[in-house]
Amino acid sequence: QVELVESGGGLVQAGGSLRLSCVASGSTFSSTFSSFRMAWFRQAPGKARDVVAAITWSGSTTYYEDSVKGRFTISRDNAKNTVYLQMNSLKPEDTAVYFCNTNPPRPGSWGQGTQVTVSS
């Protein structure tokens, strides 16, 4: 049963913007999404999957990895079971597959991710 579906990735030039979305569904999230802390992760080829940004259940507190501070913004809409990642001033080093999951991540909930490619 699909639980997390990411979308919004693509190919963009350096300095451009993308907005990623992650919709949560299924038995785990259908009625309890608002109770979960959520996060965006990314994985570049040959590298580990690392957290990029995180948000509390209410959205009142957020966390950003140092390299994306001031450029990325995480938000959520609990009524839509959706978490977003607005990415501005993109750099080639942001190229990766982006995933969402709970924070800490549920191993069985990883989706397919969405590819973000930033050209120089």
N, C-alpha and C. Protein backbone atom coordinates (compact mmCIF):
# COMPACT_ATOMS: atom_id res chain seq x y z
N GLN A 1 0.84 -1.19 0.00
CA GLN A 1 0.00 0.00 0.00
C GLN A 1 0.87 1.24 0.00
N VAL A 2 0.71 2.06 -1.05
CA VAL A 2 1.53 3.27 -1.18
C VAL A 2 1.20 4.22 -0.06
N GLU A 3 2.22 4.78 0.57
CA GLU A 3 1.98 5.67 1.69
C GLU A 3 2.49 7.07 1.47
N LEU A 4 3.64 7.23 0.82
CA LEU A 4 4.21 8.55 0.58
C LEU A 4 4.56 8.68 -0.90
N VAL A 5 4.03 9.70 -1.54
CA VAL A 5 4.27 9.93 -2.95
C VAL A 5 4.82 11.34 -3.14
N GLU A 6 6.06 11.39 -3.63
CA GLU A 6 6.72 12.66 -3.87
C GLU A 6 6.55 13.08 -5.32
N SER A 7 6.50 14.38 -5.55
CA SER A 7 6.40 14.92 -6.90
C SER A 7 6.96 16.33 -6.94
N GLY A 8 7.14 16.84 -8.16
CA GLY A 8 7.58 18.22 -8.31
C GLY A 8 9.02 18.39 -8.74
N GLY A 9 9.75 17.30 -8.82
CA GLY A 9 11.14 17.41 -9.23
C GLY A 9 11.25 17.71 -10.72
N GLY A 10 12.48 17.88 -11.16
CA GLY A 10 12.72 18.16 -12.56
C GLY A 10 14.10 18.68 -12.80
N LEU A 11 14.32 19.16 -14.02
CA LEU A 11 15.59 19.74 -14.43
C LEU A 11 15.47 21.25 -14.40
N VAL A 12 16.38 21.91 -13.72
CA VAL A 12 16.33 23.36 -13.59
C VAL A 12 17.75 23.91 -13.64
N GLN A 13 17.87 25.11 -14.13
CA GLN A 13 19.19 25.76 -14.16
C GLN A 13 19.55 26.29 -12.78
N ALA A 14 20.82 26.41 -12.54
CA ALA A 14 21.30 26.99 -11.28
C ALA A 14 20.65 28.35 -11.07
N GLY A 15 20.22 28.58 -9.83
CA GLY A 15 19.51 29.81 -9.51
C GLY A 15 18.01 29.71 -9.61
N GLY A 16 17.53 28.62 -10.18
CA GLY A 16 16.10 28.42 -10.35
C GLY A 16 15.42 27.89 -9.10
N SER A 17 14.13 27.62 -9.24
CA SER A 17 13.32 27.17 -8.12
C SER A 17 12.47 25.97 -8.49
N LEU A 18 12.17 25.17 -7.49
CA LEU A 18 11.24 24.05 -7.62
C LEU A 18 10.46 23.94 -6.32
N ARG A 19 9.25 23.42 -6.42
CA ARG A 19 8.45 23.15 -5.24
C ARG A 19 8.08 21.67 -5.23
N LEU A 20 8.58 20.96 -4.25
CA LEU A 20 8.28 19.54 -4.11
C LEU A 20 7.06 19.35 -3.22
N SER A 21 6.30 18.31 -3.53
CA SER A 21 5.14 17.95 -2.72
C SER A 21 5.24 16.49 -2.33
N CYS A 22 4.71 16.16 -1.18
CA CYS A 22 4.66 14.77 -0.70
C CYS A 22 3.29 14.54 -0.10
N VAL A 23 2.54 13.64 -0.71
CA VAL A 23 1.21 13.31 -0.23
C VAL A 23 1.25 11.99 0.51
N ALA A 24 0.70 12.00 1.70
CA ALA A 24 0.67 10.81 2.55
C ALA A 24 -0.71 10.16 2.50
N SER A 25 -0.71 8.86 2.35
CA SER A 25 -1.99 8.14 2.31
C SER A 25 -1.79 6.76 2.92
N GLY A 26 -2.85 5.95 2.91
CA GLY A 26 -2.74 4.60 3.43
C GLY A 26 -3.08 4.52 4.90
N SER A 27 -3.03 3.31 5.41
CA SER A 27 -3.48 3.05 6.77
C SER A 27 -2.65 3.77 7.82
N THR A 28 -1.37 3.98 7.51
CA THR A 28 -0.51 4.64 8.50
C THR A 28 -0.85 6.11 8.67
N PHE A 29 -1.14 6.77 7.56
CA PHE A 29 -1.23 8.23 7.59
C PHE A 29 -2.64 8.79 7.42
N SER A 30 -3.58 7.99 6.98
CA SER A 30 -4.87 8.54 6.55
C SER A 30 -5.54 9.41 7.60
N SER A 31 -5.47 9.02 8.85
CA SER A 31 -6.15 9.80 9.89
C SER A 31 -5.19 10.32 10.95
N THR A 32 -3.89 10.06 10.76
CA THR A 32 -2.93 10.44 11.81
C THR A 32 -1.79 11.29 11.30
N PHE A 33 -1.86 11.74 10.05
CA PHE A 33 -0.76 12.49 9.46
C PHE A 33 -0.35 13.66 10.33
N SER A 34 -1.32 14.37 10.87
CA SER A 34 -1.03 15.58 11.64
C SER A 34 -0.28 15.29 12.92
N SER A 35 -0.19 14.04 13.31
CA SER A 35 0.53 13.71 14.54
C SER A 35 2.01 13.43 14.29
N PHE A 36 2.40 13.32 13.03
CA PHE A 36 3.77 12.95 12.70
C PHE A 36 4.64 14.17 12.45
N ARG A 37 5.85 14.14 13.00
CA ARG A 37 6.88 15.04 12.51
C ARG A 37 7.30 14.51 11.15
N MET A 38 7.54 15.40 10.20
CA MET A 38 7.90 15.00 8.84
C MET A 38 9.22 15.65 8.44
N ALA A 39 9.82 15.06 7.42
CA ALA A 39 11.10 15.59 6.95
C ALA A 39 11.28 15.29 5.47
N TRP A 40 12.11 16.07 4.84
CA TRP A 40 12.59 15.81 3.49
C TRP A 40 14.03 15.33 3.60
N PHE A 41 14.35 14.32 2.79
CA PHE A 41 15.68 13.76 2.72
C PHE A 41 16.13 13.82 1.26
N ARG A 42 17.42 13.71 1.05
CA ARG A 42 17.91 13.62 -0.32
C ARG A 42 19.09 12.66 -0.38
N GLN A 43 19.23 12.06 -1.57
CA GLN A 43 20.32 11.11 -1.78
C GLN A 43 20.92 11.36 -3.14
N ALA A 44 22.16 11.76 -3.15
CA ALA A 44 22.91 11.93 -4.38
C ALA A 44 23.61 10.61 -4.72
N PRO A 45 23.96 10.40 -6.00
CA PRO A 45 24.61 9.15 -6.38
C PRO A 45 25.86 8.87 -5.55
N GLY A 46 25.92 7.67 -5.01
CA GLY A 46 27.07 7.27 -4.23
C GLY A 46 27.16 7.84 -2.83
N LYS A 47 26.12 8.54 -2.42
CA LYS A 47 26.12 9.15 -1.09
C LYS A 47 24.96 8.62 -0.25
N ALA A 48 25.07 8.87 1.03
CA ALA A 48 24.02 8.44 1.95
C ALA A 48 22.78 9.33 1.82
N ARG A 49 21.66 8.82 2.28
CA ARG A 49 20.43 9.59 2.31
C ARG A 49 20.41 10.44 3.58
N ASP A 50 20.38 11.73 3.44
CA ASP A 50 20.48 12.64 4.58
C ASP A 50 19.26 13.54 4.67
N VAL A 51 18.97 13.97 5.88
CA VAL A 51 17.86 14.89 6.08
C VAL A 51 18.24 16.28 5.57
N VAL A 52 17.29 16.92 4.93
CA VAL A 52 17.48 18.26 4.38
C VAL A 52 16.71 19.28 5.22
N ALA A 53 15.48 18.93 5.56
CA ALA A 53 14.63 19.83 6.32
C ALA A 53 13.61 19.00 7.08
N ALA A 54 13.17 19.53 8.21
CA ALA A 54 12.20 18.81 9.03
C ALA A 54 11.20 19.80 9.61
N ILE A 55 10.03 19.27 9.99
CA ILE A 55 8.97 20.13 10.50
C ILE A 55 8.18 19.37 11.55
N THR A 56 7.77 20.07 12.59
CA THR A 56 6.96 19.45 13.64
C THR A 56 5.52 19.27 13.17
N TRP A 57 4.73 18.57 13.98
CA TRP A 57 3.37 18.23 13.57
C TRP A 57 2.53 19.47 13.28
N SER A 58 2.77 20.53 14.04
CA SER A 58 1.98 21.74 13.85
C SER A 58 2.56 22.69 12.82
N GLY A 59 3.80 22.45 12.47
CA GLY A 59 4.49 23.36 11.56
C GLY A 59 5.14 24.54 12.24
N SER A 60 5.07 24.57 13.56
CA SER A 60 5.57 25.73 14.29
C SER A 60 7.09 25.76 14.39
N THR A 61 7.72 24.61 14.25
CA THR A 61 9.18 24.53 14.36
C THR A 61 9.73 23.79 13.14
N THR A 62 10.78 24.35 12.58
CA THR A 62 11.42 23.73 11.43
C THR A 62 12.92 23.61 11.66
N TYR A 63 13.52 22.72 10.90
CA TYR A 63 14.98 22.50 10.94
C TYR A 63 15.47 22.45 9.51
N TYR A 64 16.67 23.01 9.29
CA TYR A 64 17.29 22.96 7.97
C TYR A 64 18.75 22.57 8.10
N GLU A 65 19.18 21.72 7.19
CA GLU A 65 20.59 21.40 7.08
C GLU A 65 21.32 22.66 6.65
N ASP A 66 22.53 22.85 7.11
CA ASP A 66 23.24 24.12 6.92
C ASP A 66 23.31 24.55 5.45
N SER A 67 23.53 23.63 4.56
CA SER A 67 23.75 24.02 3.16
C SER A 67 22.49 24.56 2.47
N VAL A 68 21.31 24.35 3.07
CA VAL A 68 20.07 24.81 2.43
C VAL A 68 19.41 25.94 3.19
N LYS A 69 19.96 26.31 4.33
CA LYS A 69 19.37 27.40 5.11
C LYS A 69 19.28 28.68 4.30
N GLY A 70 18.12 29.32 4.36
CA GLY A 70 17.91 30.55 3.63
C GLY A 70 17.48 30.33 2.18
N ARG A 71 17.55 29.09 1.70
CA ARG A 71 17.16 28.80 0.32
C ARG A 71 15.94 27.89 0.24
N PHE A 72 15.82 26.96 1.17
CA PHE A 72 14.72 25.99 1.18
C PHE A 72 13.75 26.33 2.30
N THR A 73 12.46 26.04 2.06
CA THR A 73 11.44 26.22 3.07
C THR A 73 10.53 25.01 3.10
N ILE A 74 10.42 24.40 4.28
CA ILE A 74 9.52 23.25 4.45
C ILE A 74 8.22 23.75 5.06
N SER A 75 7.11 23.17 4.61
CA SER A 75 5.80 23.53 5.16
C SER A 75 4.89 22.31 5.04
N ARG A 76 3.74 22.39 5.65
CA ARG A 76 2.81 21.27 5.59
C ARG A 76 1.38 21.78 5.62
N ASP A 77 0.49 20.97 5.06
CA ASP A 77 -0.95 21.23 5.10
C ASP A 77 -1.58 19.95 5.63
N ASN A 78 -1.88 19.93 6.90
CA ASN A 78 -2.40 18.70 7.51
C ASN A 78 -3.77 18.32 6.98
N ALA A 79 -4.54 19.29 6.52
CA ALA A 79 -5.85 18.99 5.95
C ALA A 79 -5.72 18.21 4.64
N LYS A 80 -4.58 18.38 3.98
CA LYS A 80 -4.34 17.69 2.70
C LYS A 80 -3.33 16.56 2.84
N ASN A 81 -2.93 16.27 4.06
CA ASN A 81 -1.92 15.22 4.29
C ASN A 81 -0.69 15.42 3.39
N THR A 82 -0.25 16.64 3.30
CA THR A 82 0.82 16.99 2.36
C THR A 82 1.90 17.81 3.04
N VAL A 83 3.13 17.51 2.68
CA VAL A 83 4.28 18.32 3.11
C VAL A 83 4.98 18.84 1.86
N TYR A 84 5.47 20.06 1.95
CA TYR A 84 6.08 20.72 0.79
C TYR A 84 7.53 21.08 1.08
N LEU A 85 8.28 21.25 0.00
CA LEU A 85 9.64 21.79 0.10
C LEU A 85 9.82 22.80 -1.03
N GLN A 86 9.83 24.07 -0.67
CA GLN A 86 10.10 25.12 -1.64
C GLN A 86 11.60 25.30 -1.71
N MET A 87 12.16 25.16 -2.90
CA MET A 87 13.60 25.24 -3.09
C MET A 87 13.91 26.40 -4.02
N ASN A 88 14.61 27.37 -3.52
CA ASN A 88 15.02 28.54 -4.30
C ASN A 88 16.53 28.60 -4.42
N SER A 89 17.00 29.39 -5.35
CA SER A 89 18.46 29.58 -5.55
C SER A 89 19.16 28.24 -5.63
N LEU A 90 18.63 27.36 -6.42
CA LEU A 90 19.16 26.00 -6.51
C LEU A 90 20.59 26.00 -7.06
N LYS A 91 21.37 25.05 -6.56
CA LYS A 91 22.77 24.90 -6.95
C LYS A 91 22.98 23.50 -7.52
N PRO A 92 24.01 23.33 -8.34
CA PRO A 92 24.27 21.98 -8.88
C PRO A 92 24.44 20.93 -7.78
N GLU A 93 24.97 21.32 -6.64
CA GLU A 93 25.16 20.36 -5.55
C GLU A 93 23.84 19.96 -4.88
N ASP A 94 22.73 20.58 -5.25
CA ASP A 94 21.43 20.14 -4.76
C ASP A 94 20.88 18.97 -5.57
N THR A 95 21.58 18.61 -6.63
CA THR A 95 21.12 17.49 -7.46
C THR A 95 21.08 16.21 -6.66
N ALA A 96 19.91 15.57 -6.65
CA ALA A 96 19.72 14.35 -5.86
C ALA A 96 18.28 13.86 -6.08
N VAL A 97 18.03 12.68 -5.56
CA VAL A 97 16.65 12.21 -5.44
C VAL A 97 16.15 12.65 -4.06
N TYR A 98 14.99 13.28 -4.04
CA TYR A 98 14.42 13.80 -2.81
C TYR A 98 13.26 12.92 -2.35
N PHE A 99 13.28 12.61 -1.06
CA PHE A 99 12.28 11.76 -0.45
C PHE A 99 11.66 12.49 0.75
N CYS A 100 10.43 12.13 1.08
CA CYS A 100 9.87 12.57 2.35
C CYS A 100 9.60 11.33 3.20
N ASN A 101 9.54 11.54 4.49
CA ASN A 101 9.23 10.47 5.42
C ASN A 101 8.95 11.11 6.77
N THR A 102 8.56 10.31 7.71
CA THR A 102 8.44 10.82 9.07
C THR A 102 9.84 11.12 9.60
N ASN A 103 9.88 11.80 10.73
CA ASN A 103 11.15 12.12 11.34
C ASN A 103 11.10 11.70 12.81
N PRO A 104 11.82 10.64 13.16
CA PRO A 104 12.73 9.84 12.35
C PRO A 104 11.98 9.00 11.32
N PRO A 105 12.67 8.57 10.27
CA PRO A 105 11.99 7.89 9.17
C PRO A 105 11.50 6.49 9.52
N ARG A 106 10.34 6.14 8.96
CA ARG A 106 9.80 4.80 9.07
C ARG A 106 10.37 3.99 7.91
N PRO A 107 11.14 2.94 8.19
CA PRO A 107 11.81 2.20 7.10
C PRO A 107 10.85 1.68 6.03
N GLY A 108 9.65 1.32 6.41
CA GLY A 108 8.71 0.76 5.45
C GLY A 108 7.90 1.78 4.71
N SER A 109 8.17 3.07 4.90
CA SER A 109 7.34 4.12 4.31
C SER A 109 8.02 4.90 3.20
N TRP A 110 9.24 4.55 2.85
CA TRP A 110 9.93 5.28 1.78
C TRP A 110 9.16 5.16 0.47
N GLY A 111 9.01 6.29 -0.21
CA GLY A 111 8.42 6.30 -1.54
C GLY A 111 9.49 6.20 -2.61
N GLN A 112 9.10 6.49 -3.83
CA GLN A 112 10.05 6.41 -4.96
C GLN A 112 10.94 7.63 -5.04
N GLY A 113 10.54 8.70 -4.39
CA GLY A 113 11.32 9.92 -4.47
C GLY A 113 11.06 10.68 -5.75
N THR A 114 11.61 11.87 -5.82
CA THR A 114 11.50 12.69 -7.04
C THR A 114 12.87 13.26 -7.36
N GLN A 115 13.27 13.12 -8.61
CA GLN A 115 14.61 13.53 -9.04
C GLN A 115 14.67 15.04 -9.24
N VAL A 116 15.67 15.64 -8.65
CA VAL A 116 15.97 17.06 -8.87
C VAL A 116 17.36 17.14 -9.49
N THR A 117 17.42 17.77 -10.64
CA THR A 117 18.70 17.94 -11.33
C THR A 117 18.91 19.43 -11.61
N VAL A 118 20.01 19.95 -11.13
CA VAL A 118 20.33 21.37 -11.29
C VAL A 118 21.55 21.48 -12.19
N SER A 119 21.37 22.13 -13.32
CA SER A 119 22.46 22.29 -14.27
C SER A 119 23.19 23.61 -14.01
N SER A 120 24.48 23.59 -14.29
CA SER A 120 25.30 24.79 -14.05
C SER A 120 25.33 25.69 -15.27
